[in-house]
Amino acid sequence: KKRYDIAVAGTGHVGLSIATLLAQNHKVTAVDIIPEKVELIN
């Protein structure tokens, strides 16, 4: 399978759900404007 590089803008319920599911098979970068959320996810 081809692996895609996917960016997800927003890490609320919808964005983080999508990012988590896609990251099982693709490279996903989640983007947010809140440093604390970014740190927690990382």
Full PDB file with SEQRES, HELIX, SHEET, SSBOND, CRYST1, ORIGX, SCALE, CONECT and MASTER records, all heavy atoms in Angstrom:
SEQRES   1 A   42  LYS LYS ARG TYR ASP ILE ALA VAL ALA GLY THR GLY HIS          
SEQRES   2 A   42  VAL GLY LEU SER ILE ALA THR LEU LEU ALA GLN ASN HIS          
SEQRES   3 A   42  LYS VAL THR ALA VAL ASP ILE ILE PRO GLU LYS VAL GLU          
SEQRES   4 A   42  LEU ILE ASN                                                  
HELIX    1 AA1 HIS A   13  LEU A   22  1                                  10    
HELIX    2 AA2 PRO A   35  ILE A   41  1                                   7    
SHEET    1 AA1 2 ASP A   5  ALA A   9  0                                        
SHEET    2 AA1 2 LYS A  27  VAL A  31  1                                        
CRYST1    1.000    1.000    1.000  90.00  90.00  90.00 P 1           1          
ORIGX1      1.000000  0.000000  0.000000        0.00000                         
ORIGX2      0.000000  1.000000  0.000000        0.00000                         
ORIGX3      0.000000  0.000000  1.000000        0.00000                         
SCALE1      1.000000  0.000000  0.000000        0.00000                         
SCALE2      0.000000  1.000000  0.000000        0.00000                         
SCALE3      0.000000  0.000000  1.000000        0.00000                         
ATOM      1  N   LYS A   1       0.832  -1.201   0.000  1.00  0.00           N  
ATOM      2  CA  LYS A   1       0.000   0.000   0.000  1.00  0.00           C  
ATOM      3  C   LYS A   1       0.869   1.254   0.000  1.00  0.00           C  
ATOM      4  O   LYS A   1       1.919   1.289   0.617  1.00  0.00           O  
ATOM      5  CB  LYS A   1      -0.874   0.037   1.249  1.00  0.00           C  
ATOM      6  CG  LYS A   1      -1.955  -0.989   1.286  1.00  0.00           C  
ATOM      7  CD  LYS A   1      -2.780  -0.800   2.539  1.00  0.00           C  
ATOM      8  CE  LYS A   1      -3.806  -1.885   2.696  1.00  0.00           C  
ATOM      9  NZ  LYS A   1      -4.575  -1.730   3.927  1.00  0.00           N  
ATOM     10  N   LYS A   2       0.388   2.286  -0.690  1.00  0.00           N  
ATOM     11  CA  LYS A   2       1.097   3.557  -0.682  1.00  0.00           C  
ATOM     12  C   LYS A   2       0.844   4.260   0.642  1.00  0.00           C  
ATOM     13  O   LYS A   2      -0.268   4.287   1.149  1.00  0.00           O  
ATOM     14  CB  LYS A   2       0.597   4.445  -1.827  1.00  0.00           C  
ATOM     15  CG  LYS A   2       1.276   5.803  -1.835  1.00  0.00           C  
ATOM     16  CD  LYS A   2       1.042   6.536  -3.122  1.00  0.00           C  
ATOM     17  CE  LYS A   2       1.547   7.935  -3.164  1.00  0.00           C  
ATOM     18  NZ  LYS A   2       2.796   8.263  -2.555  1.00  0.00           N  
ATOM     19  N   ARG A   3       1.909   4.787   1.210  1.00  0.00           N  
ATOM     20  CA  ARG A   3       1.789   5.583   2.438  1.00  0.00           C  
ATOM     21  C   ARG A   3       1.766   7.053   2.049  1.00  0.00           C  
ATOM     22  O   ARG A   3       2.607   7.520   1.296  1.00  0.00           O  
ATOM     23  CB  ARG A   3       2.972   5.299   3.373  1.00  0.00           C  
ATOM     24  CG  ARG A   3       2.873   3.938   4.040  1.00  0.00           C  
ATOM     25  CD  ARG A   3       4.056   3.662   4.952  1.00  0.00           C  
ATOM     26  NE  ARG A   3       4.355   4.727   5.886  1.00  0.00           N  
ATOM     27  CZ  ARG A   3       3.790   4.880   7.088  1.00  0.00           C  
ATOM     28  NH1 ARG A   3       2.894   4.031   7.499  1.00  0.00           N  
ATOM     29  NH2 ARG A   3       4.146   5.865   7.879  1.00  0.00           N  
ATOM     30  N   TYR A   4       0.790   7.765   2.568  1.00  0.00           N  
ATOM     31  CA  TYR A   4       0.649   9.179   2.273  1.00  0.00           C  
ATOM     32  C   TYR A   4       1.149  10.024   3.433  1.00  0.00           C  
ATOM     33  O   TYR A   4       1.150   9.584   4.582  1.00  0.00           O  
ATOM     34  CB  TYR A   4      -0.819   9.521   1.998  1.00  0.00           C  
ATOM     35  CG  TYR A   4      -1.323   8.914   0.712  1.00  0.00           C  
ATOM     36  CD1 TYR A   4      -2.120   7.780   0.732  1.00  0.00           C  
ATOM     37  CD2 TYR A   4      -0.991   9.477  -0.521  1.00  0.00           C  
ATOM     38  CE1 TYR A   4      -2.583   7.217  -0.449  1.00  0.00           C  
ATOM     39  CE2 TYR A   4      -1.455   8.922  -1.703  1.00  0.00           C  
ATOM     40  CZ  TYR A   4      -2.248   7.790  -1.655  1.00  0.00           C  
ATOM     41  OH  TYR A   4      -2.691   7.233  -2.823  1.00  0.00           O  
ATOM     42  N   ASP A   5       1.547  11.230   3.094  1.00  0.00           N  
ATOM     43  CA  ASP A   5       1.914  12.240   4.080  1.00  0.00           C  
ATOM     44  C   ASP A   5       0.680  13.123   4.239  1.00  0.00           C  
ATOM     45  O   ASP A   5       0.288  13.821   3.301  1.00  0.00           O  
ATOM     46  CB  ASP A   5       3.107  13.044   3.565  1.00  0.00           C  
ATOM     47  CG  ASP A   5       3.691  13.987   4.600  1.00  0.00           C  
ATOM     48  OD1 ASP A   5       3.032  14.225   5.635  1.00  0.00           O  
ATOM     49  OD2 ASP A   5       4.793  14.493   4.371  1.00  0.00           O  
ATOM     50  N   ILE A   6       0.047  13.051   5.427  1.00  0.00           N  
ATOM     51  CA  ILE A   6      -1.228  13.723   5.649  1.00  0.00           C  
ATOM     52  C   ILE A   6      -1.092  14.727   6.786  1.00  0.00           C  
ATOM     53  O   ILE A   6      -0.546  14.408   7.840  1.00  0.00           O  
ATOM     54  CB  ILE A   6      -2.324  12.695   5.993  1.00  0.00           C  
ATOM     55  CG1 ILE A   6      -2.456  11.670   4.864  1.00  0.00           C  
ATOM     56  CG2 ILE A   6      -3.652  13.394   6.272  1.00  0.00           C  
ATOM     57  CD1 ILE A   6      -3.324  10.469   5.216  1.00  0.00           C  
ATOM     58  N   ALA A   7      -1.595  15.925   6.566  1.00  0.00           N  
ATOM     59  CA  ALA A   7      -1.650  16.936   7.623  1.00  0.00           C  
ATOM     60  C   ALA A   7      -3.104  17.075   8.063  1.00  0.00           C  
ATOM     61  O   ALA A   7      -4.005  17.071   7.235  1.00  0.00           O  
ATOM     62  CB  ALA A   7      -1.125  18.275   7.117  1.00  0.00           C  
ATOM     63  N   VAL A   8      -3.306  17.167   9.373  1.00  0.00           N  
ATOM     64  CA  VAL A   8      -4.650  17.355   9.918  1.00  0.00           C  
ATOM     65  C   VAL A   8      -4.655  18.667  10.689  1.00  0.00           C  
ATOM     66  O   VAL A   8      -3.923  18.818  11.672  1.00  0.00           O  
ATOM     67  CB  VAL A   8      -5.073  16.190  10.832  1.00  0.00           C  
ATOM     68  CG1 VAL A   8      -6.441  16.450  11.435  1.00  0.00           C  
ATOM     69  CG2 VAL A   8      -5.061  14.872  10.059  1.00  0.00           C  
ATOM     70  N   ALA A   9      -5.451  19.613  10.227  1.00  0.00           N  
ATOM     71  CA  ALA A   9      -5.560  20.930  10.859  1.00  0.00           C  
ATOM     72  C   ALA A   9      -6.630  20.874  11.935  1.00  0.00           C  
ATOM     73  O   ALA A   9      -7.808  20.707  11.636  1.00  0.00           O  
ATOM     74  CB  ALA A   9      -5.911  21.989   9.828  1.00  0.00           C  
ATOM     75  N   GLY A  10      -6.203  20.960  13.180  1.00  0.00           N  
ATOM     76  CA  GLY A  10      -7.130  20.932  14.309  1.00  0.00           C  
ATOM     77  C   GLY A  10      -7.048  19.615  15.058  1.00  0.00           C  
ATOM     78  O   GLY A  10      -7.063  18.550  14.442  1.00  0.00           O  
ATOM     79  N   THR A  11      -6.942  19.696  16.372  1.00  0.00           N  
ATOM     80  CA  THR A  11      -6.830  18.480  17.178  1.00  0.00           C  
ATOM     81  C   THR A  11      -7.936  18.384  18.229  1.00  0.00           C  
ATOM     82  O   THR A  11      -7.708  17.971  19.351  1.00  0.00           O  
ATOM     83  CB  THR A  11      -5.436  18.374  17.850  1.00  0.00           C  
ATOM     84  OG1 THR A  11      -5.247  19.491  18.718  1.00  0.00           O  
ATOM     85  CG2 THR A  11      -4.326  18.313  16.834  1.00  0.00           C  
ATOM     86  N   GLY A  12      -9.140  18.767  17.819  1.00  0.00           N  
ATOM     87  CA  GLY A  12     -10.303  18.537  18.666  1.00  0.00           C  
ATOM     88  C   GLY A  12     -10.755  17.096  18.490  1.00  0.00           C  
ATOM     89  O   GLY A  12      -9.996  16.244  18.012  1.00  0.00           O  
ATOM     90  N   HIS A  13     -11.985  16.811  18.859  1.00  0.00           N  
ATOM     91  CA  HIS A  13     -12.481  15.433  18.753  1.00  0.00           C  
ATOM     92  C   HIS A  13     -12.400  14.888  17.326  1.00  0.00           C  
ATOM     93  O   HIS A  13     -11.928  13.773  17.115  1.00  0.00           O  
ATOM     94  CB  HIS A  13     -13.930  15.352  19.247  1.00  0.00           C  
ATOM     95  CG  HIS A  13     -14.036  15.269  20.724  1.00  0.00           C  
ATOM     96  ND1 HIS A  13     -14.206  16.383  21.503  1.00  0.00           N  
ATOM     97  CD2 HIS A  13     -13.976  14.218  21.562  1.00  0.00           C  
ATOM     98  CE1 HIS A  13     -14.246  16.024  22.772  1.00  0.00           C  
ATOM     99  NE2 HIS A  13     -14.115  14.717  22.839  1.00  0.00           N  
ATOM    100  N   VAL A  14     -12.833  15.664  16.366  1.00  0.00           N  
ATOM    101  CA  VAL A  14     -12.841  15.188  14.986  1.00  0.00           C  
ATOM    102  C   VAL A  14     -11.425  15.075  14.429  1.00  0.00           C  
ATOM    103  O   VAL A  14     -11.024  14.038  13.911  1.00  0.00           O  
ATOM    104  CB  VAL A  14     -13.707  16.105  14.086  1.00  0.00           C  
ATOM    105  CG1 VAL A  14     -13.592  15.719  12.628  1.00  0.00           C  
ATOM    106  CG2 VAL A  14     -15.156  16.055  14.545  1.00  0.00           C  
ATOM    107  N   GLY A  15     -10.638  16.131  14.543  1.00  0.00           N  
ATOM    108  CA  GLY A  15      -9.288  16.126  13.991  1.00  0.00           C  
ATOM    109  C   GLY A  15      -8.392  15.071  14.611  1.00  0.00           C  
ATOM    110  O   GLY A  15      -7.676  14.358  13.900  1.00  0.00           O  
ATOM    111  N   LEU A  16      -8.432  14.954  15.921  1.00  0.00           N  
ATOM    112  CA  LEU A  16      -7.550  13.988  16.586  1.00  0.00           C  
ATOM    113  C   LEU A  16      -8.007  12.557  16.313  1.00  0.00           C  
ATOM    114  O   LEU A  16      -7.176  11.661  16.171  1.00  0.00           O  
ATOM    115  CB  LEU A  16      -7.470  14.267  18.087  1.00  0.00           C  
ATOM    116  CG  LEU A  16      -6.345  13.556  18.830  1.00  0.00           C  
ATOM    117  CD1 LEU A  16      -4.986  13.781  18.185  1.00  0.00           C  
ATOM    118  CD2 LEU A  16      -6.317  13.996  20.285  1.00  0.00           C  
ATOM    119  N   SER A  17      -9.306  12.342  16.186  1.00  0.00           N  
ATOM    120  CA  SER A  17      -9.810  11.009  15.824  1.00  0.00           C  
ATOM    121  C   SER A  17      -9.311  10.619  14.437  1.00  0.00           C  
ATOM    122  O   SER A  17      -8.810   9.509  14.231  1.00  0.00           O  
ATOM    123  CB  SER A  17     -11.341  10.986  15.829  1.00  0.00           C  
ATOM    124  OG  SER A  17     -11.844  11.202  17.112  1.00  0.00           O  
ATOM    125  N   ILE A  18      -9.462  11.530  13.488  1.00  0.00           N  
ATOM    126  CA  ILE A  18      -9.010  11.266  12.118  1.00  0.00           C  
ATOM    127  C   ILE A  18      -7.508  11.042  12.091  1.00  0.00           C  
ATOM    128  O   ILE A  18      -7.010  10.095  11.470  1.00  0.00           O  
ATOM    129  CB  ILE A  18      -9.421  12.423  11.186  1.00  0.00           C  
ATOM    130  CG1 ILE A  18     -10.939  12.429  11.012  1.00  0.00           C  
ATOM    131  CG2 ILE A  18      -8.708  12.344   9.838  1.00  0.00           C  
ATOM    132  CD1 ILE A  18     -11.480  13.666  10.338  1.00  0.00           C  
ATOM    133  N   ALA A  19      -6.758  11.905  12.764  1.00  0.00           N  
ATOM    134  CA  ALA A  19      -5.294  11.787  12.778  1.00  0.00           C  
ATOM    135  C   ALA A  19      -4.849  10.449  13.367  1.00  0.00           C  
ATOM    136  O   ALA A  19      -3.956   9.796  12.826  1.00  0.00           O  
ATOM    137  CB  ALA A  19      -4.689  12.940  13.582  1.00  0.00           C  
ATOM    138  N   THR A  20      -5.482  10.039  14.450  1.00  0.00           N  
ATOM    139  CA  THR A  20      -5.102   8.795  15.114  1.00  0.00           C  
ATOM    140  C   THR A  20      -5.377   7.588  14.219  1.00  0.00           C  
ATOM    141  O   THR A  20      -4.550   6.687  14.117  1.00  0.00           O  
ATOM    142  CB  THR A  20      -5.875   8.640  16.440  1.00  0.00           C  
ATOM    143  OG1 THR A  20      -5.855   9.866  17.140  1.00  0.00           O  
ATOM    144  CG2 THR A  20      -5.242   7.622  17.332  1.00  0.00           C  
ATOM    145  N   LEU A  21      -6.529   7.590  13.584  1.00  0.00           N  
ATOM    146  CA  LEU A  21      -6.866   6.465  12.709  1.00  0.00           C  
ATOM    147  C   LEU A  21      -5.965   6.416  11.479  1.00  0.00           C  
ATOM    148  O   LEU A  21      -5.449   5.359  11.123  1.00  0.00           O  
ATOM    149  CB  LEU A  21      -8.334   6.547  12.284  1.00  0.00           C  
ATOM    150  CG  LEU A  21      -9.339   6.300  13.405  1.00  0.00           C  
ATOM    151  CD1 LEU A  21     -10.752   6.585  12.929  1.00  0.00           C  
ATOM    152  CD2 LEU A  21      -9.234   4.873  13.929  1.00  0.00           C  
ATOM    153  N   LEU A  22      -5.738   7.558  10.837  1.00  0.00           N  
ATOM    154  CA  LEU A  22      -4.888   7.589   9.647  1.00  0.00           C  
ATOM    155  C   LEU A  22      -3.438   7.254   9.958  1.00  0.00           C  
ATOM    156  O   LEU A  22      -2.731   6.687   9.126  1.00  0.00           O  
ATOM    157  CB  LEU A  22      -4.980   8.959   8.972  1.00  0.00           C  
ATOM    158  CG  LEU A  22      -6.303   9.288   8.286  1.00  0.00           C  
ATOM    159  CD1 LEU A  22      -6.324  10.743   7.841  1.00  0.00           C  
ATOM    160  CD2 LEU A  22      -6.555   8.352   7.109  1.00  0.00           C  
ATOM    161  N   ALA A  23      -2.972   7.598  11.157  1.00  0.00           N  
ATOM    162  CA  ALA A  23      -1.573   7.386  11.532  1.00  0.00           C  
ATOM    163  C   ALA A  23      -1.212   5.914  11.703  1.00  0.00           C  
ATOM    164  O   ALA A  23      -0.044   5.579  11.839  1.00  0.00           O  
ATOM    165  CB  ALA A  23      -1.249   8.154  12.812  1.00  0.00           C  
ATOM    166  N   GLN A  24      -2.189   5.045  11.644  1.00  0.00           N  
ATOM    167  CA  GLN A  24      -1.892   3.613  11.696  1.00  0.00           C  
ATOM    168  C   GLN A  24      -1.237   3.140  10.400  1.00  0.00           C  
ATOM    169  O   GLN A  24      -0.483   2.171  10.419  1.00  0.00           O  
ATOM    170  CB  GLN A  24      -3.175   2.818  11.928  1.00  0.00           C  
ATOM    171  CG  GLN A  24      -3.773   3.044  13.296  1.00  0.00           C  
ATOM    172  CD  GLN A  24      -5.056   2.275  13.447  1.00  0.00           C  
ATOM    173  OE1 GLN A  24      -5.026   1.092  13.756  1.00  0.00           O  
ATOM    174  NE2 GLN A  24      -6.169   2.949  13.193  1.00  0.00           N  
ATOM    175  N   ASN A  25      -1.530   3.834   9.286  1.00  0.00           N  
ATOM    176  CA  ASN A  25      -1.017   3.404   7.983  1.00  0.00           C  
ATOM    177  C   ASN A  25      -0.337   4.499   7.181  1.00  0.00           C  
ATOM    178  O   ASN A  25       0.139   4.238   6.081  1.00  0.00           O  
ATOM    179  CB  ASN A  25      -2.170   2.835   7.144  1.00  0.00           C  
ATOM    180  CG  ASN A  25      -2.743   1.594   7.770  1.00  0.00           C  
ATOM    181  OD1 ASN A  25      -2.036   0.622   7.985  1.00  0.00           O  
ATOM    182  ND2 ASN A  25      -4.023   1.630   8.088  1.00  0.00           N  
ATOM    183  N   HIS A  26      -0.339   5.732   7.709  1.00  0.00           N  
ATOM    184  CA  HIS A  26       0.238   6.852   6.976  1.00  0.00           C  
ATOM    185  C   HIS A  26       0.993   7.755   7.939  1.00  0.00           C  
ATOM    186  O   HIS A  26       0.789   7.702   9.149  1.00  0.00           O  
ATOM    187  CB  HIS A  26      -0.867   7.664   6.277  1.00  0.00           C  
ATOM    188  CG  HIS A  26      -1.710   6.831   5.373  1.00  0.00           C  
ATOM    189  ND1 HIS A  26      -1.283   6.434   4.124  1.00  0.00           N  
ATOM    190  CD2 HIS A  26      -2.943   6.288   5.542  1.00  0.00           C  
ATOM    191  CE1 HIS A  26      -2.215   5.701   3.560  1.00  0.00           C  
ATOM    192  NE2 HIS A  26      -3.234   5.584   4.405  1.00  0.00           N  
ATOM    193  N   LYS A  27       1.842   8.625   7.365  1.00  0.00           N  
ATOM    194  CA  LYS A  27       2.553   9.619   8.165  1.00  0.00           C  
ATOM    195  C   LYS A  27       1.616  10.800   8.363  1.00  0.00           C  
ATOM    196  O   LYS A  27       1.193  11.433   7.391  1.00  0.00           O  
ATOM    197  CB  LYS A  27       3.820  10.068   7.449  1.00  0.00           C  
ATOM    198  CG  LYS A  27       4.590  11.103   8.219  1.00  0.00           C  
ATOM    199  CD  LYS A  27       5.814  11.568   7.467  1.00  0.00           C  
ATOM    200  CE  LYS A  27       6.504  12.630   8.302  1.00  0.00           C  
ATOM    201  NZ  LYS A  27       7.250  13.558   7.481  1.00  0.00           N  
ATOM    202  N   VAL A  28       1.286  11.098   9.615  1.00  0.00           N  
ATOM    203  CA  VAL A  28       0.325  12.155   9.906  1.00  0.00           C  
ATOM    204  C   VAL A  28       0.965  13.232  10.774  1.00  0.00           C  
ATOM    205  O   VAL A  28       1.620  12.931  11.779  1.00  0.00           O  
ATOM    206  CB  VAL A  28      -0.927  11.592  10.622  1.00  0.00           C  
ATOM    207  CG1 VAL A  28      -1.888  12.710  10.990  1.00  0.00           C  
ATOM    208  CG2 VAL A  28      -1.622  10.560   9.735  1.00  0.00           C  
ATOM    209  N   THR A  29       0.761  14.480  10.376  1.00  0.00           N  
ATOM    210  CA  THR A  29       1.180  15.620  11.172  1.00  0.00           C  
ATOM    211  C   THR A  29      -0.071  16.370  11.591  1.00  0.00           C  
ATOM    212  O   THR A  29      -0.828  16.853  10.743  1.00  0.00           O  
ATOM    213  CB  THR A  29       2.102  16.559  10.363  1.00  0.00           C  
ATOM    214  OG1 THR A  29       3.213  15.800   9.873  1.00  0.00           O  
ATOM    215  CG2 THR A  29       2.600  17.710  11.229  1.00  0.00           C  
ATOM    216  N   ALA A  30      -0.297  16.432  12.896  1.00  0.00           N  
ATOM    217  CA  ALA A  30      -1.444  17.151  13.441  1.00  0.00           C  
ATOM    218  C   ALA A  30      -1.016  18.579  13.750  1.00  0.00           C  
ATOM    219  O   ALA A  30       0.022  18.797  14.375  1.00  0.00           O  
ATOM    220  CB  ALA A  30      -1.946  16.460  14.701  1.00  0.00           C  
ATOM    221  N   VAL A  31      -1.802  19.539  13.310  1.00  0.00           N  
ATOM    222  CA  VAL A  31      -1.463  20.955  13.482  1.00  0.00           C  
ATOM    223  C   VAL A  31      -2.464  21.601  14.431  1.00  0.00           C  
ATOM    224  O   VAL A  31      -3.674  21.432  14.277  1.00  0.00           O  
ATOM    225  CB  VAL A  31      -1.492  21.695  12.126  1.00  0.00           C  
ATOM    226  CG1 VAL A  31      -1.131  23.158  12.311  1.00  0.00           C  
ATOM    227  CG2 VAL A  31      -0.564  21.021  11.121  1.00  0.00           C  
ATOM    228  N   ASP A  32      -1.943  22.326  15.405  1.00  0.00           N  
ATOM    229  CA  ASP A  32      -2.803  23.076  16.309  1.00  0.00           C  
ATOM    230  C   ASP A  32      -2.107  24.373  16.679  1.00  0.00           C  
ATOM    231  O   ASP A  32      -0.908  24.540  16.422  1.00  0.00           O  
ATOM    232  CB  ASP A  32      -3.129  22.262  17.563  1.00  0.00           C  
ATOM    233  CG  ASP A  32      -4.480  22.667  18.161  1.00  0.00           C  
ATOM    234  OD1 ASP A  32      -4.598  23.788  18.695  1.00  0.00           O  
ATOM    235  OD2 ASP A  32      -5.422  21.867  18.061  1.00  0.00           O  
ATOM    236  N   ILE A  33      -2.854  25.294  17.272  1.00  0.00           N  
ATOM    237  CA  ILE A  33      -2.290  26.583  17.674  1.00  0.00           C  
ATOM    238  C   ILE A  33      -2.042  26.642  19.179  1.00  0.00           C  
ATOM    239  O   ILE A  33      -1.548  27.649  19.675  1.00  0.00           O  
ATOM    240  CB  ILE A  33      -3.202  27.746  17.237  1.00  0.00           C  
ATOM    241  CG1 ILE A  33      -4.584  27.626  17.871  1.00  0.00           C  
ATOM    242  CG2 ILE A  33      -3.291  27.823  15.715  1.00  0.00           C  
ATOM    243  CD1 ILE A  33      -5.475  28.845  17.681  1.00  0.00           C  
ATOM    244  N   ILE A  34      -2.366  25.570  19.887  1.00  0.00           N  
ATOM    245  CA  ILE A  34      -2.210  25.547  21.344  1.00  0.00           C  
ATOM    246  C   ILE A  34      -1.006  24.674  21.705  1.00  0.00           C  
ATOM    247  O   ILE A  34      -1.039  23.454  21.538  1.00  0.00           O  
ATOM    248  CB  ILE A  34      -3.488  25.023  22.023  1.00  0.00           C  
ATOM    249  CG1 ILE A  34      -4.678  25.914  21.639  1.00  0.00           C  
ATOM    250  CG2 ILE A  34      -3.306  24.953  23.537  1.00  0.00           C  
ATOM    251  CD1 ILE A  34      -6.028  25.369  22.059  1.00  0.00           C  
ATOM    252  N   PRO A  35       0.072  25.299  22.193  1.00  0.00           N  
ATOM    253  CA  PRO A  35       1.303  24.554  22.479  1.00  0.00           C  
ATOM    254  C   PRO A  35       1.102  23.375  23.433  1.00  0.00           C  
ATOM    255  O   PRO A  35       1.721  22.320  23.258  1.00  0.00           O  
ATOM    256  CB  PRO A  35       2.237  25.607  23.102  1.00  0.00           C  
ATOM    257  CG  PRO A  35       1.708  26.918  22.624  1.00  0.00           C  
ATOM    258  CD  PRO A  35       0.225  26.739  22.456  1.00  0.00           C  
ATOM    259  N   GLU A  36       0.232  23.528  24.424  1.00  0.00           N  
ATOM    260  CA  GLU A  36       0.022  22.451  25.400  1.00  0.00           C  
ATOM    261  C   GLU A  36      -0.589  21.211  24.740  1.00  0.00           C  
ATOM    262  O   GLU A  36      -0.232  20.081  25.090  1.00  0.00           O  
ATOM    263  CB  GLU A  36      -0.885  22.938  26.551  1.00  0.00           C  
ATOM    264  CG  GLU A  36      -0.276  24.021  27.406  1.00  0.00           C  
ATOM    265  CD  GLU A  36      -0.388  25.436  26.809  1.00  0.00           C  
ATOM    266  OE1 GLU A  36      -1.121  25.628  25.813  1.00  0.00           O  
ATOM    267  OE2 GLU A  36       0.263  26.353  27.341  1.00  0.00           O  
ATOM    268  N   LYS A  37      -1.487  21.414  23.791  1.00  0.00           N  
ATOM    269  CA  LYS A  37      -2.086  20.278  23.079  1.00  0.00           C  
ATOM    270  C   LYS A  37      -1.045  19.569  22.220  1.00  0.00           C  
ATOM    271  O   LYS A  37      -0.989  18.339  22.197  1.00  0.00           O  
ATOM    272  CB  LYS A  37      -3.252  20.743  22.205  1.00  0.00           C  
ATOM    273  CG  LYS A  37      -4.472  21.145  22.990  1.00  0.00           C  
ATOM    274  CD  LYS A  37      -5.580  21.651  22.087  1.00  0.00           C  
ATOM    275  CE  LYS A  37      -6.369  20.503  21.506  1.00  0.00           C  
ATOM    276  NZ  LYS A  37      -7.558  20.948  20.748  1.00  0.00           N  
ATOM    277  N   VAL A  38      -0.219  20.340  21.547  1.00  0.00           N  
ATOM    278  CA  VAL A  38       0.838  19.768  20.713  1.00  0.00           C  
ATOM    279  C   VAL A  38       1.794  18.944  21.578  1.00  0.00           C  
ATOM    280  O   VAL A  38       2.151  17.812  21.223  1.00  0.00           O  
ATOM    281  CB  VAL A  38       1.589  20.881  19.943  1.00  0.00           C  
ATOM    282  CG1 VAL A  38       2.854  20.356  19.297  1.00  0.00           C  
ATOM    283  CG2 VAL A  38       0.664  21.512  18.907  1.00  0.00           C  
ATOM    284  N   GLU A  39       2.178  19.476  22.712  1.00  0.00           N  
ATOM    285  CA  GLU A  39       3.094  18.760  23.611  1.00  0.00           C  
ATOM    286  C   GLU A  39       2.474  17.457  24.113  1.00  0.00           C  
ATOM    287  O   GLU A  39       3.137  16.419  24.137  1.00  0.00           O  
ATOM    288  CB  GLU A  39       3.477  19.650  24.789  1.00  0.00           C  
ATOM    289  CG  GLU A  39       4.490  19.004  25.706  1.00  0.00           C  
ATOM    290  CD  GLU A  39       4.929  19.907  26.851  1.00  0.00           C  
ATOM    291  OE1 GLU A  39       4.605  21.115  26.846  1.00  0.00           O  
ATOM    292  OE2 GLU A  39       5.595  19.392  27.759  1.00  0.00           O  
ATOM    293  N   LEU A  40       1.212  17.504  24.508  1.00  0.00           N  
ATOM    294  CA  LEU A  40       0.540  16.282  24.980  1.00  0.00           C  
ATOM    295  C   LEU A  40       0.515  15.209  23.897  1.00  0.00           C  
ATOM    296  O   LEU A  40       0.857  14.041  24.153  1.00  0.00           O  
ATOM    297  CB  LEU A  40      -0.887  16.595  25.429  1.00  0.00           C  
ATOM    298  CG  LEU A  40      -1.034  17.264  26.789  1.00  0.00           C  
ATOM    299  CD1 LEU A  40      -2.452  17.782  26.984  1.00  0.00           C  
ATOM    300  CD2 LEU A  40      -0.673  16.278  27.902  1.00  0.00           C  
ATOM    301  N   ILE A  41       0.138  15.585  22.688  1.00  0.00           N  
ATOM    302  CA  ILE A  41       0.066  14.609  21.597  1.00  0.00           C  
ATOM    303  C   ILE A  41       1.441  14.016  21.320  1.00  0.00           C  
ATOM    304  O   ILE A  41       1.583  12.803  21.136  1.00  0.00           O  
ATOM    305  CB  ILE A  41      -0.537  15.253  20.331  1.00  0.00           C  
ATOM    306  CG1 ILE A  41      -1.994  15.637  20.596  1.00  0.00           C  
ATOM    307  CG2 ILE A  41      -0.422  14.317  19.129  1.00  0.00           C  
ATOM    308  CD1 ILE A  41      -2.591  16.585  19.575  1.00  0.00           C  
ATOM    309  N   ASN A  42       2.472  14.855  21.306  1.00  0.00           N  
ATOM    310  CA  ASN A  42       3.827  14.351  21.064  1.00  0.00           C  
ATOM    311  C   ASN A  42       4.331  13.462  22.200  1.00  0.00           C  
ATOM    312  O   ASN A  42       5.241  12.662  21.995  1.00  0.00           O  
ATOM    313  CB  ASN A  42       4.791  15.512  20.799  1.00  0.00           C  
ATOM    314  CG  ASN A  42       4.579  16.095  19.425  1.00  0.00           C  
ATOM    315  OD1 ASN A  42       4.144  15.414  18.502  1.00  0.00           O  
ATOM    316  ND2 ASN A  42       4.864  17.375  19.284  1.00  0.00           N  
TER     317      ASN A  42                                                      
MASTER        0    0    0    2    2    0    0    6  316    1    0    4          
END                                                                             
